[in-house]
Amino acid sequence: DLIYKDRTGEIYCLTSNPSHRWYYAPRMSRDEALLLKCYDSLRDGRARFMPHTSFADPDAPDPLPPRESIEIRTLAFFD
């Protein structure tokens, strides 16, 4: 549990699995965006959660400008 003054939350922890598929998009341009659907409330067999991470790329040229990330949470409801 993650215990705060006003609520108690949870976080998922993952372990490695050979059947996981990881995607890497190293050549995105400044006018491209990557959309990650991190949660789905449906319980019909599709993935409900989507882990994501970052890593230090040892093959990246030095120096690189810092990565910019904008994270927005959106709720969408459908009939």
PDB file of N, CA and C in Angstrom:
ATOM      1  N   ASP A   1       0.827  -1.190   0.000  1.00  0.00           N
ATOM      2  CA  ASP A   1       0.000   0.000   0.000  1.00  0.00           C
ATOM      3  C   ASP A   1       0.871   1.253   0.000  1.00  0.00           C
ATOM      4  N   LEU A   2       0.399   2.260  -0.704  1.00  0.00           N
ATOM      5  CA  LEU A   2       0.993   3.592  -0.648  1.00  0.00           C
ATOM      6  C   LEU A   2       0.066   4.428   0.219  1.00  0.00           C
ATOM      7  N   ILE A   3       0.509   4.802   1.390  1.00  0.00           N
ATOM      8  CA  ILE A   3      -0.359   5.472   2.352  1.00  0.00           C
ATOM      9  C   ILE A   3      -0.082   6.968   2.344  1.00  0.00           C
ATOM     10  N   TYR A   4      -1.130   7.735   2.040  1.00  0.00           N
ATOM     11  CA  TYR A   4      -1.084   9.193   2.023  1.00  0.00           C
ATOM     12  C   TYR A   4      -1.974   9.720   3.143  1.00  0.00           C
ATOM     13  N   LYS A   5      -1.944  11.013   3.376  1.00  0.00           N
ATOM     14  CA  LYS A   5      -2.792  11.614   4.413  1.00  0.00           C
ATOM     15  C   LYS A   5      -4.274  11.382   4.146  1.00  0.00           C
ATOM     16  N   ASP A   6      -4.661  11.494   2.865  1.00  0.00           N
ATOM     17  CA  ASP A   6      -6.078  11.475   2.523  1.00  0.00           C
ATOM     18  C   ASP A   6      -6.549  10.204   1.815  1.00  0.00           C
ATOM     19  N   ARG A   7      -5.648   9.259   1.549  1.00  0.00           N
ATOM     20  CA  ARG A   7      -6.062   8.052   0.831  1.00  0.00           C
ATOM     21  C   ARG A   7      -4.985   6.983   0.924  1.00  0.00           C
ATOM     22  N   THR A   8      -5.360   5.787   0.529  1.00  0.00           N
ATOM     23  CA  THR A   8      -4.419   4.682   0.411  1.00  0.00           C
ATOM     24  C   THR A   8      -4.453   4.203  -1.031  1.00  0.00           C
ATOM     25  N   GLY A   9      -3.304   4.120  -1.670  1.00  0.00           N
ATOM     26  CA  GLY A   9      -3.225   3.687  -3.055  1.00  0.00           C
ATOM     27  C   GLY A   9      -2.391   2.426  -3.182  1.00  0.00           C
ATOM     28  N   GLU A  10      -2.288   1.955  -4.401  1.00  0.00           N
ATOM     29  CA  GLU A  10      -1.498   0.759  -4.686  1.00  0.00           C
ATOM     30  C   GLU A  10      -0.676   0.986  -5.945  1.00  0.00           C
ATOM     31  N   ILE A  11       0.329   0.156  -6.133  1.00  0.00           N
ATOM     32  CA  ILE A  11       1.143   0.194  -7.342  1.00  0.00           C
ATOM     33  C   ILE A  11       1.412  -1.258  -7.753  1.00  0.00           C
ATOM     34  N   TYR A  12       1.489  -1.482  -9.042  1.00  0.00           N
ATOM     35  CA  TYR A  12       1.788  -2.821  -9.538  1.00  0.00           C
ATOM     36  C   TYR A  12       3.293  -2.988  -9.690  1.00  0.00           C
ATOM     37  N   CYS A  13       3.785  -4.164  -9.385  1.00  0.00           N
ATOM     38  CA  CYS A  13       5.183  -4.510  -9.611  1.00  0.00           C
ATOM     39  C   CYS A  13       5.225  -5.628 -10.640  1.00  0.00           C
ATOM     40  N   LEU A  14       6.210  -5.603 -11.510  1.00  0.00           N
ATOM     41  CA  LEU A  14       6.313  -6.580 -12.587  1.00  0.00           C
ATOM     42  C   LEU A  14       7.598  -7.366 -12.473  1.00  0.00           C
ATOM     43  N   THR A  15       7.569  -8.559 -13.027  1.00  0.00           N
ATOM     44  CA  THR A  15       8.781  -9.344 -13.174  1.00  0.00           C
ATOM     45  C   THR A  15       8.946  -9.696 -14.642  1.00  0.00           C
ATOM     46  N   SER A  16      10.141  -9.992 -15.025  1.00  0.00           N
ATOM     47  CA  SER A  16      10.445 -10.292 -16.423  1.00  0.00           C
ATOM     48  C   SER A  16       9.785 -11.594 -16.856  1.00  0.00           C
ATOM     49  N   ASN A  17       9.368 -11.612 -18.119  1.00  0.00           N
ATOM     50  CA  ASN A  17       8.747 -12.792 -18.691  1.00  0.00           C
ATOM     51  C   ASN A  17       9.182 -12.864 -20.155  1.00  0.00           C
ATOM     52  N   PRO A  18       9.688 -13.991 -20.623  1.00  0.00           N
ATOM     53  CA  PRO A  18      10.146 -14.093 -22.014  1.00  0.00           C
ATOM     54  C   PRO A  18       9.053 -13.799 -23.048  1.00  0.00           C
ATOM     55  N   SER A  19       7.782 -13.915 -22.668  1.00  0.00           N
ATOM     56  CA  SER A  19       6.722 -13.640 -23.632  1.00  0.00           C
ATOM     57  C   SER A  19       6.368 -12.154 -23.722  1.00  0.00           C
ATOM     58  N   HIS A  20       6.942 -11.321 -22.863  1.00  0.00           N
ATOM     59  CA  HIS A  20       6.712  -9.876 -22.974  1.00  0.00           C
ATOM     60  C   HIS A  20       7.299  -9.356 -24.278  1.00  0.00           C
ATOM     61  N   ARG A  21       6.640  -8.395 -24.871  1.00  0.00           N
ATOM     62  CA  ARG A  21       7.157  -7.720 -26.065  1.00  0.00           C
ATOM     63  C   ARG A  21       7.460  -6.275 -25.692  1.00  0.00           C
ATOM     64  N   TRP A  22       8.660  -5.822 -25.973  1.00  0.00           N
ATOM     65  CA  TRP A  22       9.072  -4.452 -25.687  1.00  0.00           C
ATOM     66  C   TRP A  22       9.297  -3.727 -27.002  1.00  0.00           C
ATOM     67  N   TYR A  23       8.911  -2.475 -27.053  1.00  0.00           N
ATOM     68  CA  TYR A  23       9.076  -1.664 -28.256  1.00  0.00           C
ATOM     69  C   TYR A  23       9.938  -0.459 -27.919  1.00  0.00           C
ATOM     70  N   TYR A  24      10.761  -0.071 -28.864  1.00  0.00           N
ATOM     71  CA  TYR A  24      11.707   1.027 -28.686  1.00  0.00           C
ATOM     72  C   TYR A  24      11.578   1.920 -29.914  1.00  0.00           C
ATOM     73  N   ALA A  25      11.392   3.203 -29.704  1.00  0.00           N
ATOM     74  CA  ALA A  25      11.211   4.150 -30.814  1.00  0.00           C
ATOM     75  C   ALA A  25      12.328   5.192 -30.770  1.00  0.00           C
ATOM     76  N   PRO A  26      13.544   4.834 -31.213  1.00  0.00           N
ATOM     77  CA  PRO A  26      14.690   5.718 -31.037  1.00  0.00           C
ATOM     78  C   PRO A  26      14.771   6.878 -32.019  1.00  0.00           C
ATOM     79  N   ARG A  27      14.032   6.824 -33.106  1.00  0.00           N
ATOM     80  CA  ARG A  27      14.197   7.858 -34.136  1.00  0.00           C
ATOM     81  C   ARG A  27      12.962   8.748 -34.289  1.00  0.00           C
ATOM     82  N   MET A  28      12.259   8.970 -33.190  1.00  0.00           N
ATOM     83  CA  MET A  28      11.090   9.852 -33.265  1.00  0.00           C
ATOM     84  C   MET A  28      11.549  11.286 -33.471  1.00  0.00           C
ATOM     85  N   SER A  29      10.798  12.017 -34.275  1.00  0.00           N
ATOM     86  CA  SER A  29      11.130  13.425 -34.498  1.00  0.00           C
ATOM     87  C   SER A  29      10.324  14.297 -33.535  1.00  0.00           C
ATOM     88  N   ARG A  30      10.664  15.566 -33.485  1.00  0.00           N
ATOM     89  CA  ARG A  30      10.025  16.483 -32.543  1.00  0.00           C
ATOM     90  C   ARG A  30       8.531  16.651 -32.794  1.00  0.00           C
ATOM     91  N   ASP A  31       8.075  16.360 -34.003  1.00  0.00           N
ATOM     92  CA  ASP A  31       6.657  16.530 -34.311  1.00  0.00           C
ATOM     93  C   ASP A  31       5.871  15.214 -34.207  1.00  0.00           C
ATOM     94  N   GLU A  32       6.453  14.200 -33.597  1.00  0.00           N
ATOM     95  CA  GLU A  32       5.774  12.920 -33.399  1.00  0.00           C
ATOM     96  C   GLU A  32       5.437  12.738 -31.916  1.00  0.00           C
ATOM     97  N   ALA A  33       4.405  11.952 -31.667  1.00  0.00           N
ATOM     98  CA  ALA A  33       4.007  11.646 -30.293  1.00  0.00           C
ATOM     99  C   ALA A  33       3.777  10.147 -30.174  1.00  0.00           C
ATOM    100  N   LEU A  34       3.993   9.635 -28.999  1.00  0.00           N
ATOM    101  CA  LEU A  34       3.758   8.230 -28.711  1.00  0.00           C
ATOM    102  C   LEU A  34       2.640   8.169 -27.677  1.00  0.00           C
ATOM    103  N   LEU A  35       1.555   7.486 -28.013  1.00  0.00           N
ATOM    104  CA  LEU A  35       0.410   7.364 -27.122  1.00  0.00           C
ATOM    105  C   LEU A  35       0.456   5.996 -26.455  1.00  0.00           C
ATOM    106  N   LEU A  36       0.391   5.988 -25.137  1.00  0.00           N
ATOM    107  CA  LEU A  36       0.413   4.744 -24.373  1.00  0.00           C
ATOM    108  C   LEU A  36      -0.929   4.584 -23.666  1.00  0.00           C
ATOM    109  N   LYS A  37      -1.653   3.526 -23.980  1.00  0.00           N
ATOM    110  CA  LYS A  37      -2.882   3.231 -23.246  1.00  0.00           C
ATOM    111  C   LYS A  37      -2.481   2.389 -22.050  1.00  0.00           C
ATOM    112  N   CYS A  38      -2.507   2.986 -20.874  1.00  0.00           N
ATOM    113  CA  CYS A  38      -1.977   2.334 -19.678  1.00  0.00           C
ATOM    114  C   CYS A  38      -3.012   1.532 -18.894  1.00  0.00           C
ATOM    115  N   TYR A  39      -4.298   1.686 -19.208  1.00  0.00           N
ATOM    116  CA  TYR A  39      -5.327   0.974 -18.447  1.00  0.00           C
ATOM    117  C   TYR A  39      -6.560   0.799 -19.318  1.00  0.00           C
ATOM    118  N   ASP A  40      -7.220  -0.345 -19.167  1.00  0.00           N
ATOM    119  CA  ASP A  40      -8.504  -0.590 -19.817  1.00  0.00           C
ATOM    120  C   ASP A  40      -9.388  -1.300 -18.808  1.00  0.00           C
ATOM    121  N   SER A  41     -10.600  -0.807 -18.614  1.00  0.00           N
ATOM    122  CA  SER A  41     -11.489  -1.387 -17.612  1.00  0.00           C
ATOM    123  C   SER A  41     -12.166  -2.671 -18.088  1.00  0.00           C
ATOM    124  N   LEU A  42     -12.148  -2.949 -19.387  1.00  0.00           N
ATOM    125  CA  LEU A  42     -12.778  -4.169 -19.887  1.00  0.00           C
ATOM    126  C   LEU A  42     -12.031  -5.402 -19.397  1.00  0.00           C
ATOM    127  N   ARG A  43     -12.766  -6.449 -19.126  1.00  0.00           N
ATOM    128  CA  ARG A  43     -12.182  -7.711 -18.645  1.00  0.00           C
ATOM    129  C   ARG A  43     -12.489  -8.816 -19.654  1.00  0.00           C
ATOM    130  N   ASP A  44     -12.193  -8.544 -20.932  1.00  0.00           N
ATOM    131  CA  ASP A  44     -12.547  -9.484 -21.999  1.00  0.00           C
ATOM    132  C   ASP A  44     -11.342 -10.214 -22.583  1.00  0.00           C
ATOM    133  N   GLY A  45     -10.225 -10.216 -21.872  1.00  0.00           N
ATOM    134  CA  GLY A  45      -9.047 -10.928 -22.349  1.00  0.00           C
ATOM    135  C   GLY A  45      -7.958 -10.022 -22.878  1.00  0.00           C
ATOM    136  N   ARG A  46      -8.295  -8.771 -23.216  1.00  0.00           N
ATOM    137  CA  ARG A  46      -7.250  -7.834 -23.671  1.00  0.00           C
ATOM    138  C   ARG A  46      -6.425  -7.380 -22.475  1.00  0.00           C
ATOM    139  N   ALA A  47      -5.278  -6.856 -22.745  1.00  0.00           N
ATOM    140  CA  ALA A  47      -4.420  -6.357 -21.659  1.00  0.00           C
ATOM    141  C   ALA A  47      -5.124  -5.204 -20.952  1.00  0.00           C
ATOM    142  N   ARG A  48      -5.159  -5.255 -19.645  1.00  0.00           N
ATOM    143  CA  ARG A  48      -5.802  -4.192 -18.872  1.00  0.00           C
ATOM    144  C   ARG A  48      -4.803  -3.135 -18.423  1.00  0.00           C
ATOM    145  N   PHE A  49      -3.562  -3.510 -18.289  1.00  0.00           N
ATOM    146  CA  PHE A  49      -2.526  -2.588 -17.819  1.00  0.00           C
ATOM    147  C   PHE A  49      -1.356  -2.640 -18.783  1.00  0.00           C
ATOM    148  N   MET A  50      -0.602  -1.562 -18.900  1.00  0.00           N
ATOM    149  CA  MET A  50       0.534  -1.526 -19.816  1.00  0.00           C
ATOM    150  C   MET A  50       1.725  -0.875 -19.101  1.00  0.00           C
ATOM    151  N   PRO A  51       2.707  -1.672 -18.713  1.00  0.00           N
ATOM    152  CA  PRO A  51       3.876  -1.072 -18.074  1.00  0.00           C
ATOM    153  C   PRO A  51       4.706  -0.309 -19.097  1.00  0.00           C
ATOM    154  N   HIS A  52       5.396   0.702 -18.631  1.00  0.00           N
ATOM    155  CA  HIS A  52       6.307   1.446 -19.497  1.00  0.00           C
ATOM    156  C   HIS A  52       7.475   1.927 -18.644  1.00  0.00           C
ATOM    157  N   THR A  53       8.575   2.171 -19.299  1.00  0.00           N
ATOM    158  CA  THR A  53       9.788   2.521 -18.560  1.00  0.00           C
ATOM    159  C   THR A  53      10.710   3.337 -19.444  1.00  0.00           C
ATOM    160  N   SER A  54      11.853   3.672 -18.933  1.00  0.00           N
ATOM    161  CA  SER A  54      12.906   4.336 -19.704  1.00  0.00           C
ATOM    162  C   SER A  54      14.232   3.667 -19.343  1.00  0.00           C
ATOM    163  N   PHE A  55      15.247   3.989 -20.104  1.00  0.00           N
ATOM    164  CA  PHE A  55      16.563   3.425 -19.819  1.00  0.00           C
ATOM    165  C   PHE A  55      17.632   4.344 -20.395  1.00  0.00           C
ATOM    166  N   ALA A  56      18.828   4.226 -19.886  1.00  0.00           N
ATOM    167  CA  ALA A  56      19.970   4.971 -20.432  1.00  0.00           C
ATOM    168  C   ALA A  56      20.512   4.174 -21.611  1.00  0.00           C
ATOM    169  N   ASP A  57      20.497   4.770 -22.793  1.00  0.00           N
ATOM    170  CA  ASP A  57      20.957   4.099 -24.007  1.00  0.00           C
ATOM    171  C   ASP A  57      22.472   4.265 -24.128  1.00  0.00           C
ATOM    172  N   PRO A  58      23.229   3.206 -23.961  1.00  0.00           N
ATOM    173  CA  PRO A  58      24.690   3.330 -24.022  1.00  0.00           C
ATOM    174  C   PRO A  58      25.196   3.671 -25.427  1.00  0.00           C
ATOM    175  N   ASP A  59      24.358   3.489 -26.455  1.00  0.00           N
ATOM    176  CA  ASP A  59      24.766   3.800 -27.829  1.00  0.00           C
ATOM    177  C   ASP A  59      24.364   5.194 -28.276  1.00  0.00           C
ATOM    178  N   ALA A  60      23.721   5.962 -27.419  1.00  0.00           N
ATOM    179  CA  ALA A  60      23.289   7.317 -27.780  1.00  0.00           C
ATOM    180  C   ALA A  60      24.501   8.234 -27.894  1.00  0.00           C
ATOM    181  N   PRO A  61      24.486   9.136 -28.885  1.00  0.00           N
ATOM    182  CA  PRO A  61      25.605  10.087 -29.002  1.00  0.00           C
ATOM    183  C   PRO A  61      25.637  11.031 -27.802  1.00  0.00           C
ATOM    184  N   ASP A  62      26.800  11.516 -27.515  1.00  0.00           N
ATOM    185  CA  ASP A  62      26.967  12.407 -26.371  1.00  0.00           C
ATOM    186  C   ASP A  62      27.480  13.746 -26.861  1.00  0.00           C
ATOM    187  N   PRO A  63      27.009  14.869 -26.461  1.00  0.00           N
ATOM    188  CA  PRO A  63      25.886  15.058 -25.549  1.00  0.00           C
ATOM    189  C   PRO A  63      24.557  15.107 -26.307  1.00  0.00           C
ATOM    190  N   LEU A  64      23.504  14.718 -25.652  1.00  0.00           N
ATOM    191  CA  LEU A  64      22.157  14.784 -26.201  1.00  0.00           C
ATOM    192  C   LEU A  64      21.339  15.790 -25.399  1.00  0.00           C
ATOM    193  N   PRO A  65      20.417  16.487 -26.050  1.00  0.00           N
ATOM    194  CA  PRO A  65      19.528  17.341 -25.245  1.00  0.00           C
ATOM    195  C   PRO A  65      18.634  16.465 -24.383  1.00  0.00           C
ATOM    196  N   PRO A  66      18.200  16.976 -23.248  1.00  0.00           N
ATOM    197  CA  PRO A  66      17.350  16.164 -22.383  1.00  0.00           C
ATOM    198  C   PRO A  66      16.040  15.800 -23.083  1.00  0.00           C
ATOM    199  N   ARG A  67      15.540  14.628 -22.772  1.00  0.00           N
ATOM    200  CA  ARG A  67      14.268  14.180 -23.315  1.00  0.00           C
ATOM    201  C   ARG A  67      13.152  15.004 -22.701  1.00  0.00           C
ATOM    202  N   GLU A  68      12.157  15.335 -23.508  1.00  0.00           N
ATOM    203  CA  GLU A  68      10.993  16.050 -23.001  1.00  0.00           C
ATOM    204  C   GLU A  68       9.799  15.114 -23.014  1.00  0.00           C
ATOM    205  N   SER A  69       9.046  15.122 -21.935  1.00  0.00           N
ATOM    206  CA  SER A  69       7.891  14.254 -21.814  1.00  0.00           C
ATOM    207  C   SER A  69       6.735  15.039 -21.219  1.00  0.00           C
ATOM    208  N   ILE A  70       5.572  14.907 -21.818  1.00  0.00           N
ATOM    209  CA  ILE A  70       4.358  15.505 -21.275  1.00  0.00           C
ATOM    210  C   ILE A  70       3.401  14.353 -21.018  1.00  0.00           C
ATOM    211  N   GLU A  71       2.974  14.202 -19.789  1.00  0.00           N
ATOM    212  CA  GLU A  71       2.064  13.119 -19.462  1.00  0.00           C
ATOM    213  C   GLU A  71       0.695  13.701 -19.119  1.00  0.00           C
ATOM    214  N   ILE A  72      -0.300  13.182 -19.791  1.00  0.00           N
ATOM    215  CA  ILE A  72      -1.686  13.636 -19.596  1.00  0.00           C
ATOM    216  C   ILE A  72      -2.532  12.408 -19.316  1.00  0.00           C
ATOM    217  N   ARG A  73      -3.341  12.488 -18.293  1.00  0.00           N
ATOM    218  CA  ARG A  73      -4.278  11.387 -18.001  1.00  0.00           C
ATOM    219  C   ARG A  73      -5.638  11.783 -18.520  1.00  0.00           C
ATOM    220  N   THR A  74      -6.234  10.899 -19.273  1.00  0.00           N
ATOM    221  CA  THR A  74      -7.541  11.150 -19.869  1.00  0.00           C
ATOM    222  C   THR A  74      -8.458   9.970 -19.563  1.00  0.00           C
ATOM    223  N   LEU A  75      -9.670  10.258 -19.213  1.00  0.00           N
ATOM    224  CA  LEU A  75     -10.671   9.214 -19.039  1.00  0.00           C
ATOM    225  C   LEU A  75     -11.630   9.289 -20.208  1.00  0.00           C
ATOM    226  N   ALA A  76     -11.886   8.186 -20.847  1.00  0.00           N
ATOM    227  CA  ALA A  76     -12.827   8.134 -21.977  1.00  0.00           C
ATOM    228  C   ALA A  76     -13.880   7.079 -21.666  1.00  0.00           C
ATOM    229  N   PHE A  77     -15.133   7.451 -21.795  1.00  0.00           N
ATOM    230  CA  PHE A  77     -16.237   6.542 -21.517  1.00  0.00           C
ATOM    231  C   PHE A  77     -17.002   6.285 -22.813  1.00  0.00           C
ATOM    232  N   PHE A  78     -17.281   5.015 -23.105  1.00  0.00           N
ATOM    233  CA  PHE A  78     -17.990   4.628 -24.307  1.00  0.00           C
ATOM    234  C   PHE A  78     -19.175   3.756 -23.934  1.00  0.00           C
ATOM    235  N   ASP A  79     -20.267   3.860 -24.696  1.00  0.00           N
ATOM    236  CA  ASP A  79     -21.429   2.976 -24.494  1.00  0.00           C
ATOM    237  C   ASP A  79     -21.123   1.593 -24.985  1.00  0.00           C
TER     238      ASP A  79
END
